[in-house]
Each structure stands twice: as C-alpha cells, then as structure tokens.
Amino acid sequence: MKIAIGSTNPTKVRAARNVLRKIYPRAEFVALEVASGVPKQPRGDKQTRRGAVNRAKRVRAQTHADLGIGLEAGILELSTA
C-alpha cells in the first residue's frame, strides 16, 4: 500500500506516519507539498476542512497512491460571551 501525505512539514508527516503505521505497518509513505486551494491562513472550519480535503485529493492524484492524507491548520474564532 502506498500512502501519500500532502505536506513536507516534518511535524505533520511524522504524525501521519506514526498513526498510520499502526494500521498499515507495511505501507510505503510519500510526502509531497501540494496546494491547499485556500488562503495561507484558513479561517473557520469550512476553509480548514476544504484545504485538508484538497491536499488529500491532490497528493493522491499526483502520486497515484492508494490513500491520500491532507492536514490543514486553521483559525477558529469563538465568542467569549
């Protein structure tokens, strides 16, 4: 099985590998920087999720992997009132 991670950020790549190795111990991992298609700093759940989904789809398509992983950090504003 080939698993592609849509980031070259060492922390994100390590986190994905650590979790997925428990499920797929024989998997081959590939990390590749792909565009998220959202602003550089996503705001809100909608943009953050869209960025992660876009990364997963794009990295899978570019690498012909069996599974694509997209990780996206975003800002969520909450009211304190």
PDB file of N, CA and C in Angstrom:
ATOM      1  N   MET A   1       0.840  -1.168   0.000  1.00  0.00           N
ATOM      2  CA  MET A   1       0.000   0.000   0.000  1.00  0.00           C
ATOM      3  C   MET A   1       0.888   1.235   0.000  1.00  0.00           C
ATOM      4  N   LYS A   2       0.508   2.208  -0.788  1.00  0.00           N
ATOM      5  CA  LYS A   2       1.215   3.476  -0.867  1.00  0.00           C
ATOM      6  C   LYS A   2       0.322   4.568  -0.267  1.00  0.00           C
ATOM      7  N   ILE A   3       0.872   5.308   0.709  1.00  0.00           N
ATOM      8  CA  ILE A   3       0.146   6.386   1.367  1.00  0.00           C
ATOM      9  C   ILE A   3       0.893   7.683   1.107  1.00  0.00           C
ATOM     10  N   ALA A   4       0.184   8.665   0.571  1.00  0.00           N
ATOM     11  CA  ALA A   4       0.782   9.953   0.267  1.00  0.00           C
ATOM     12  C   ALA A   4       0.280  11.001   1.247  1.00  0.00           C
ATOM     13  N   ILE A   5       1.205  11.790   1.745  1.00  0.00           N
ATOM     14  CA  ILE A   5       0.894  12.852   2.702  1.00  0.00           C
ATOM     15  C   ILE A   5       1.094  14.190   1.989  1.00  0.00           C
ATOM     16  N   GLY A   6       0.063  15.026   1.999  1.00  0.00           N
ATOM     17  CA  GLY A   6       0.087  16.295   1.270  1.00  0.00           C
ATOM     18  C   GLY A   6       0.785  17.418   2.007  1.00  0.00           C
ATOM     19  N   SER A   7       1.976  17.159   2.495  1.00  0.00           N
ATOM     20  CA  SER A   7       2.768  18.160   3.210  1.00  0.00           C
ATOM     21  C   SER A   7       4.189  17.643   3.356  1.00  0.00           C
ATOM     22  N   THR A   8       5.129  18.573   3.441  1.00  0.00           N
ATOM     23  CA  THR A   8       6.503  18.192   3.765  1.00  0.00           C
ATOM     24  C   THR A   8       6.882  18.725   5.148  1.00  0.00           C
ATOM     25  N   ASN A   9       5.916  19.271   5.864  1.00  0.00           N
ATOM     26  CA  ASN A   9       6.143  19.738   7.231  1.00  0.00           C
ATOM     27  C   ASN A   9       6.503  18.530   8.090  1.00  0.00           C
ATOM     28  N   PRO A  10       7.694  18.525   8.687  1.00  0.00           N
ATOM     29  CA  PRO A  10       8.140  17.343   9.431  1.00  0.00           C
ATOM     30  C   PRO A  10       7.190  16.904  10.546  1.00  0.00           C
ATOM     31  N   THR A  11       6.579  17.847  11.220  1.00  0.00           N
ATOM     32  CA  THR A  11       5.664  17.502  12.310  1.00  0.00           C
ATOM     33  C   THR A  11       4.417  16.810  11.779  1.00  0.00           C
ATOM     34  N   LYS A  12       3.851  17.331  10.689  1.00  0.00           N
ATOM     35  CA  LYS A  12       2.655  16.731  10.091  1.00  0.00           C
ATOM     36  C   LYS A  12       2.961  15.347   9.503  1.00  0.00           C
ATOM     37  N   VAL A  13       4.096  15.237   8.842  1.00  0.00           N
ATOM     38  CA  VAL A  13       4.484  13.954   8.237  1.00  0.00           C
ATOM     39  C   VAL A  13       4.704  12.904   9.322  1.00  0.00           C
ATOM     40  N   ARG A  14       5.411  13.274  10.369  1.00  0.00           N
ATOM     41  CA  ARG A  14       5.680  12.338  11.468  1.00  0.00           C
ATOM     42  C   ARG A  14       4.374  11.895  12.131  1.00  0.00           C
ATOM     43  N   ALA A  15       3.461  12.827  12.363  1.00  0.00           N
ATOM     44  CA  ALA A  15       2.186  12.488  12.999  1.00  0.00           C
ATOM     45  C   ALA A  15       1.393  11.504  12.138  1.00  0.00           C
ATOM     46  N   ALA A  16       1.313  11.775  10.849  1.00  0.00           N
ATOM     47  CA  ALA A  16       0.571  10.883   9.957  1.00  0.00           C
ATOM     48  C   ALA A  16       1.211   9.492   9.925  1.00  0.00           C
ATOM     49  N   ARG A  17       2.517   9.440   9.784  1.00  0.00           N
ATOM     50  CA  ARG A  17       3.214   8.140   9.753  1.00  0.00           C
ATOM     51  C   ARG A  17       3.013   7.362  11.052  1.00  0.00           C
ATOM     52  N   ASN A  18       3.163   8.041  12.194  1.00  0.00           N
ATOM     53  CA  ASN A  18       3.032   7.359  13.483  1.00  0.00           C
ATOM     54  C   ASN A  18       1.668   6.706  13.654  1.00  0.00           C
ATOM     55  N   VAL A  19       0.635   7.381  13.238  1.00  0.00           N
ATOM     56  CA  VAL A  19      -0.718   6.830  13.368  1.00  0.00           C
ATOM     57  C   VAL A  19      -0.962   5.732  12.339  1.00  0.00           C
ATOM     58  N   LEU A  20      -0.626   6.012  11.086  1.00  0.00           N
ATOM     59  CA  LEU A  20      -0.967   5.070  10.011  1.00  0.00           C
ATOM     60  C   LEU A  20      -0.112   3.810  10.008  1.00  0.00           C
ATOM     61  N   ARG A  21       1.091   3.866  10.560  1.00  0.00           N
ATOM     62  CA  ARG A  21       1.926   2.649  10.650  1.00  0.00           C
ATOM     63  C   ARG A  21       1.281   1.595  11.543  1.00  0.00           C
ATOM     64  N   LYS A  22       0.493   2.036  12.507  1.00  0.00           N
ATOM     65  CA  LYS A  22      -0.208   1.091  13.379  1.00  0.00           C
ATOM     66  C   LYS A  22      -1.297   0.341  12.620  1.00  0.00           C
ATOM     67  N   ILE A  23      -1.866   0.971  11.629  1.00  0.00           N
ATOM     68  CA  ILE A  23      -2.932   0.363  10.837  1.00  0.00           C
ATOM     69  C   ILE A  23      -2.364  -0.349   9.611  1.00  0.00           C
ATOM     70  N   TYR A  24      -1.375   0.280   8.978  1.00  0.00           N
ATOM     71  CA  TYR A  24      -0.760  -0.264   7.764  1.00  0.00           C
ATOM     72  C   TYR A  24       0.754  -0.387   7.977  1.00  0.00           C
ATOM     73  N   PRO A  25       1.218  -1.397   8.705  1.00  0.00           N
ATOM     74  CA  PRO A  25       2.642  -1.493   9.054  1.00  0.00           C
ATOM     75  C   PRO A  25       3.581  -1.657   7.861  1.00  0.00           C
ATOM     76  N   ARG A  26       3.085  -2.151   6.746  1.00  0.00           N
ATOM     77  CA  ARG A  26       3.942  -2.373   5.575  1.00  0.00           C
ATOM     78  C   ARG A  26       3.820  -1.274   4.526  1.00  0.00           C
ATOM     79  N   ALA A  27       3.118  -0.206   4.841  1.00  0.00           N
ATOM     80  CA  ALA A  27       2.870   0.855   3.864  1.00  0.00           C
ATOM     81  C   ALA A  27       4.144   1.600   3.494  1.00  0.00           C
ATOM     82  N   GLU A  28       4.151   2.059   2.259  1.00  0.00           N
ATOM     83  CA  GLU A  28       5.190   2.970   1.763  1.00  0.00           C
ATOM     84  C   GLU A  28       4.624   4.379   1.917  1.00  0.00           C
ATOM     85  N   PHE A  29       5.385   5.288   2.511  1.00  0.00           N
ATOM     86  CA  PHE A  29       4.931   6.667   2.711  1.00  0.00           C
ATOM     87  C   PHE A  29       5.683   7.614   1.800  1.00  0.00           C
ATOM     88  N   VAL A  30       4.931   8.541   1.224  1.00  0.00           N
ATOM     89  CA  VAL A  30       5.494   9.577   0.369  1.00  0.00           C
ATOM     90  C   VAL A  30       4.949  10.916   0.860  1.00  0.00           C
ATOM     91  N   ALA A  31       5.829  11.892   1.056  1.00  0.00           N
ATOM     92  CA  ALA A  31       5.409  13.232   1.463  1.00  0.00           C
ATOM     93  C   ALA A  31       5.700  14.200   0.328  1.00  0.00           C
ATOM     94  N   LEU A  32       4.701  14.994  -0.026  1.00  0.00           N
ATOM     95  CA  LEU A  32       4.832  15.915  -1.151  1.00  0.00           C
ATOM     96  C   LEU A  32       4.053  17.181  -0.845  1.00  0.00           C
ATOM     97  N   GLU A  33       4.655  18.327  -1.099  1.00  0.00           N
ATOM     98  CA  GLU A  33       3.974  19.605  -0.898  1.00  0.00           C
ATOM     99  C   GLU A  33       2.984  19.814  -2.043  1.00  0.00           C
ATOM    100  N   VAL A  34       1.744  20.040  -1.696  1.00  0.00           N
ATOM    101  CA  VAL A  34       0.699  20.327  -2.685  1.00  0.00           C
ATOM    102  C   VAL A  34      -0.099  21.540  -2.216  1.00  0.00           C
ATOM    103  N   ALA A  35      -0.724  22.221  -3.151  1.00  0.00           N
ATOM    104  CA  ALA A  35      -1.519  23.409  -2.837  1.00  0.00           C
ATOM    105  C   ALA A  35      -2.800  23.020  -2.114  1.00  0.00           C
ATOM    106  N   SER A  36      -3.181  23.864  -1.168  1.00  0.00           N
ATOM    107  CA  SER A  36      -4.414  23.610  -0.421  1.00  0.00           C
ATOM    108  C   SER A  36      -5.630  24.209  -1.112  1.00  0.00           C
ATOM    109  N   GLY A  37      -5.417  25.249  -1.916  1.00  0.00           N
ATOM    110  CA  GLY A  37      -6.541  25.891  -2.586  1.00  0.00           C
ATOM    111  C   GLY A  37      -7.339  26.818  -1.675  1.00  0.00           C
ATOM    112  N   VAL A  38      -6.827  27.085  -0.489  1.00  0.00           N
ATOM    113  CA  VAL A  38      -7.471  28.009   0.450  1.00  0.00           C
ATOM    114  C   VAL A  38      -6.423  29.056   0.845  1.00  0.00           C
ATOM    115  N   PRO A  39      -6.847  30.135   1.515  1.00  0.00           N
ATOM    116  CA  PRO A  39      -5.857  31.136   1.938  1.00  0.00           C
ATOM    117  C   PRO A  39      -4.728  30.519   2.776  1.00  0.00           C
ATOM    118  N   LYS A  40      -3.589  31.194   2.778  1.00  0.00           N
ATOM    119  CA  LYS A  40      -2.424  30.687   3.508  1.00  0.00           C
ATOM    120  C   LYS A  40      -2.764  30.413   4.976  1.00  0.00           C
ATOM    121  N   GLN A  41      -3.591  31.253   5.575  1.00  0.00           N
ATOM    122  CA  GLN A  41      -4.059  31.023   6.943  1.00  0.00           C
ATOM    123  C   GLN A  41      -5.577  30.872   6.903  1.00  0.00           C
ATOM    124  N   PRO A  42      -6.076  29.641   6.754  1.00  0.00           N
ATOM    125  CA  PRO A  42      -7.520  29.425   6.685  1.00  0.00           C
ATOM    126  C   PRO A  42      -8.229  29.897   7.948  1.00  0.00           C
ATOM    127  N   ARG A  43      -9.427  30.424   7.770  1.00  0.00           N
ATOM    128  CA  ARG A  43     -10.229  30.892   8.889  1.00  0.00           C
ATOM    129  C   ARG A  43     -11.537  30.125   8.886  1.00  0.00           C
ATOM    130  N   GLY A  44     -11.816  29.480   9.993  1.00  0.00           N
ATOM    131  CA  GLY A  44     -13.067  28.755  10.137  1.00  0.00           C
ATOM    132  C   GLY A  44     -12.962  27.308   9.688  1.00  0.00           C
ATOM    133  N   ASP A  45     -13.932  26.541  10.137  1.00  0.00           N
ATOM    134  CA  ASP A  45     -13.963  25.108   9.825  1.00  0.00           C
ATOM    135  C   ASP A  45     -14.076  24.839   8.332  1.00  0.00           C
ATOM    136  N   LYS A  46     -14.887  25.617   7.638  1.00  0.00           N
ATOM    137  CA  LYS A  46     -15.131  25.353   6.217  1.00  0.00           C
ATOM    138  C   LYS A  46     -13.843  25.465   5.400  1.00  0.00           C
ATOM    139  N   GLN A  47     -13.103  26.551   5.555  1.00  0.00           N
ATOM    140  CA  GLN A  47     -11.848  26.713   4.812  1.00  0.00           C
ATOM    141  C   GLN A  47     -10.815  25.680   5.236  1.00  0.00           C
ATOM    142  N   THR A  48     -10.737  25.417   6.526  1.00  0.00           N
ATOM    143  CA  THR A  48      -9.743  24.466   7.029  1.00  0.00           C
ATOM    144  C   THR A  48     -10.009  23.066   6.494  1.00  0.00           C
ATOM    145  N   ARG A  49     -11.250  22.638   6.567  1.00  0.00           N
ATOM    146  CA  ARG A  49     -11.597  21.305   6.031  1.00  0.00           C
ATOM    147  C   ARG A  49     -11.370  21.238   4.527  1.00  0.00           C
ATOM    148  N   ARG A  50     -11.776  22.299   3.811  1.00  0.00           N
ATOM    149  CA  ARG A  50     -11.606  22.306   2.352  1.00  0.00           C
ATOM    150  C   ARG A  50     -10.126  22.185   2.011  1.00  0.00           C
ATOM    151  N   GLY A  51      -9.259  22.876   2.737  1.00  0.00           N
ATOM    152  CA  GLY A  51      -7.823  22.786   2.485  1.00  0.00           C
ATOM    153  C   GLY A  51      -7.284  21.382   2.693  1.00  0.00           C
ATOM    154  N   ALA A  52      -7.724  20.727   3.757  1.00  0.00           N
ATOM    155  CA  ALA A  52      -7.270  19.355   4.031  1.00  0.00           C
ATOM    156  C   ALA A  52      -7.748  18.387   2.956  1.00  0.00           C
ATOM    157  N   VAL A  53      -9.005  18.514   2.567  1.00  0.00           N
ATOM    158  CA  VAL A  53      -9.554  17.632   1.522  1.00  0.00           C
ATOM    159  C   VAL A  53      -8.825  17.869   0.200  1.00  0.00           C
ATOM    160  N   ASN A  54      -8.609  19.137  -0.145  1.00  0.00           N
ATOM    161  CA  ASN A  54      -7.892  19.445  -1.387  1.00  0.00           C
ATOM    162  C   ASN A  54      -6.499  18.837  -1.383  1.00  0.00           C
ATOM    163  N   ARG A  55      -5.790  18.963  -0.276  1.00  0.00           N
ATOM    164  CA  ARG A  55      -4.439  18.392  -0.196  1.00  0.00           C
ATOM    165  C   ARG A  55      -4.466  16.859  -0.355  1.00  0.00           C
ATOM    166  N   ALA A  56      -5.407  16.219   0.308  1.00  0.00           N
ATOM    167  CA  ALA A  56      -5.507  14.757   0.219  1.00  0.00           C
ATOM    168  C   ALA A  56      -5.779  14.307  -1.222  1.00  0.00           C
ATOM    169  N   LYS A  57      -6.720  14.967  -1.873  1.00  0.00           N
ATOM    170  CA  LYS A  57      -7.055  14.596  -3.258  1.00  0.00           C
ATOM    171  C   LYS A  57      -5.901  14.862  -4.212  1.00  0.00           C
ATOM    172  N   ARG A  58      -5.267  16.017  -4.047  1.00  0.00           N
ATOM    173  CA  ARG A  58      -4.179  16.384  -4.964  1.00  0.00           C
ATOM    174  C   ARG A  58      -2.955  15.502  -4.798  1.00  0.00           C
ATOM    175  N   VAL A  59      -2.572  15.208  -3.554  1.00  0.00           N
ATOM    176  CA  VAL A  59      -1.383  14.378  -3.358  1.00  0.00           C
ATOM    177  C   VAL A  59      -1.640  12.952  -3.831  1.00  0.00           C
ATOM    178  N   ARG A  60      -2.839  12.469  -3.637  1.00  0.00           N
ATOM    179  CA  ARG A  60      -3.170  11.115  -4.108  1.00  0.00           C
ATOM    180  C   ARG A  60      -3.110  11.048  -5.628  1.00  0.00           C
ATOM    181  N   ALA A  61      -3.670  12.063  -6.288  1.00  0.00           N
ATOM    182  CA  ALA A  61      -3.660  12.086  -7.757  1.00  0.00           C
ATOM    183  C   ALA A  61      -2.240  12.200  -8.307  1.00  0.00           C
ATOM    184  N   GLN A  62      -1.415  13.034  -7.691  1.00  0.00           N
ATOM    185  CA  GLN A  62      -0.054  13.251  -8.190  1.00  0.00           C
ATOM    186  C   GLN A  62       0.863  12.057  -7.972  1.00  0.00           C
ATOM    187  N   THR A  63       0.607  11.283  -6.946  1.00  0.00           N
ATOM    188  CA  THR A  63       1.493  10.164  -6.619  1.00  0.00           C
ATOM    189  C   THR A  63       0.900   8.804  -6.971  1.00  0.00           C
ATOM    190  N   HIS A  64      -0.359   8.785  -7.373  1.00  0.00           N
ATOM    191  CA  HIS A  64      -1.070   7.531  -7.668  1.00  0.00           C
ATOM    192  C   HIS A  64      -1.080   6.612  -6.447  1.00  0.00           C
ATOM    193  N   ALA A  65      -1.212   7.218  -5.278  1.00  0.00           N
ATOM    194  CA  ALA A  65      -1.219   6.463  -4.019  1.00  0.00           C
ATOM    195  C   ALA A  65      -2.583   5.810  -3.785  1.00  0.00           C
ATOM    196  N   ASP A  66      -2.587   4.839  -2.921  1.00  0.00           N
ATOM    197  CA  ASP A  66      -3.837   4.181  -2.522  1.00  0.00           C
ATOM    198  C   ASP A  66      -4.636   5.050  -1.555  1.00  0.00           C
ATOM    199  N   LEU A  67      -3.920   5.871  -0.786  1.00  0.00           N
ATOM    200  CA  LEU A  67      -4.555   6.713   0.226  1.00  0.00           C
ATOM    201  C   LEU A  67      -3.859   8.060   0.253  1.00  0.00           C
ATOM    202  N   GLY A  68      -4.640   9.125   0.278  1.00  0.00           N
ATOM    203  CA  GLY A  68      -4.091  10.475   0.374  1.00  0.00           C
ATOM    204  C   GLY A  68      -4.459  11.086   1.715  1.00  0.00           C
ATOM    205  N   ILE A  69      -3.488  11.735   2.352  1.00  0.00           N
ATOM    206  CA  ILE A  69      -3.704  12.366   3.648  1.00  0.00           C
ATOM    207  C   ILE A  69      -3.497  13.868   3.494  1.00  0.00           C
ATOM    208  N   GLY A  70      -4.479  14.635   3.968  1.00  0.00           N
ATOM    209  CA  GLY A  70      -4.376  16.093   3.953  1.00  0.00           C
ATOM    210  C   GLY A  70      -4.513  16.629   5.361  1.00  0.00           C
ATOM    211  N   LEU A  71      -3.567  17.447   5.770  1.00  0.00           N
ATOM    212  CA  LEU A  71      -3.594  18.080   7.087  1.00  0.00           C
ATOM    213  C   LEU A  71      -3.554  19.592   6.877  1.00  0.00           C
ATOM    214  N   GLU A  72      -4.454  20.298   7.515  1.00  0.00           N
ATOM    215  CA  GLU A  72      -4.523  21.753   7.361  1.00  0.00           C
ATOM    216  C   GLU A  72      -4.773  22.400   8.714  1.00  0.00           C
ATOM    217  N   ALA A  73      -3.970  23.385   9.055  1.00  0.00           N
ATOM    218  CA  ALA A  73      -4.173  24.142  10.288  1.00  0.00           C
ATOM    219  C   ALA A  73      -4.978  25.393   9.966  1.00  0.00           C
ATOM    220  N   GLY A  74      -5.895  25.733  10.839  1.00  0.00           N
ATOM    221  CA  GLY A  74      -6.714  26.914  10.608  1.00  0.00           C
ATOM    222  C   GLY A  74      -7.044  27.620  11.904  1.00  0.00           C
ATOM    223  N   ILE A  75      -7.642  28.777  11.761  1.00  0.00           N
ATOM    224  CA  ILE A  75      -8.053  29.576  12.917  1.00  0.00           C
ATOM    225  C   ILE A  75      -9.568  29.510  13.045  1.00  0.00           C
ATOM    226  N   LEU A  76     -10.017  29.246  14.247  1.00  0.00           N
ATOM    227  CA  LEU A  76     -11.440  29.238  14.541  1.00  0.00           C
ATOM    228  C   LEU A  76     -11.698  30.265  15.638  1.00  0.00           C
ATOM    229  N   GLU A  77     -12.500  31.261  15.305  1.00  0.00           N
ATOM    230  CA  GLU A  77     -12.818  32.308  16.268  1.00  0.00           C
ATOM    231  C   GLU A  77     -14.067  31.923  17.040  1.00  0.00           C
ATOM    232  N   LEU A  78     -13.982  32.008  18.360  1.00  0.00           N
ATOM    233  CA  LEU A  78     -15.115  31.692  19.224  1.00  0.00           C
ATOM    234  C   LEU A  78     -15.499  32.927  20.026  1.00  0.00           C
ATOM    235  N   SER A  79     -16.764  33.095  20.210  1.00  0.00           N
ATOM    236  CA  SER A  79     -17.250  34.201  21.017  1.00  0.00           C
ATOM    237  C   SER A  79     -17.065  33.854  22.486  1.00  0.00           C
ATOM    238  N   THR A  80     -16.631  34.806  23.280  1.00  0.00           N
ATOM    239  CA  THR A  80     -16.459  34.565  24.704  1.00  0.00           C
ATOM    240  C   THR A  80     -17.685  34.977  25.493  1.00  0.00           C
ATOM    241  N   ALA A  81     -18.661  35.540  24.813  1.00  0.00           N
ATOM    242  CA  ALA A  81     -19.886  35.987  25.502  1.00  0.00           C
ATOM    243  C   ALA A  81     -20.865  34.865  25.708  1.00  0.00           C
TER     244      ALA A  81
END
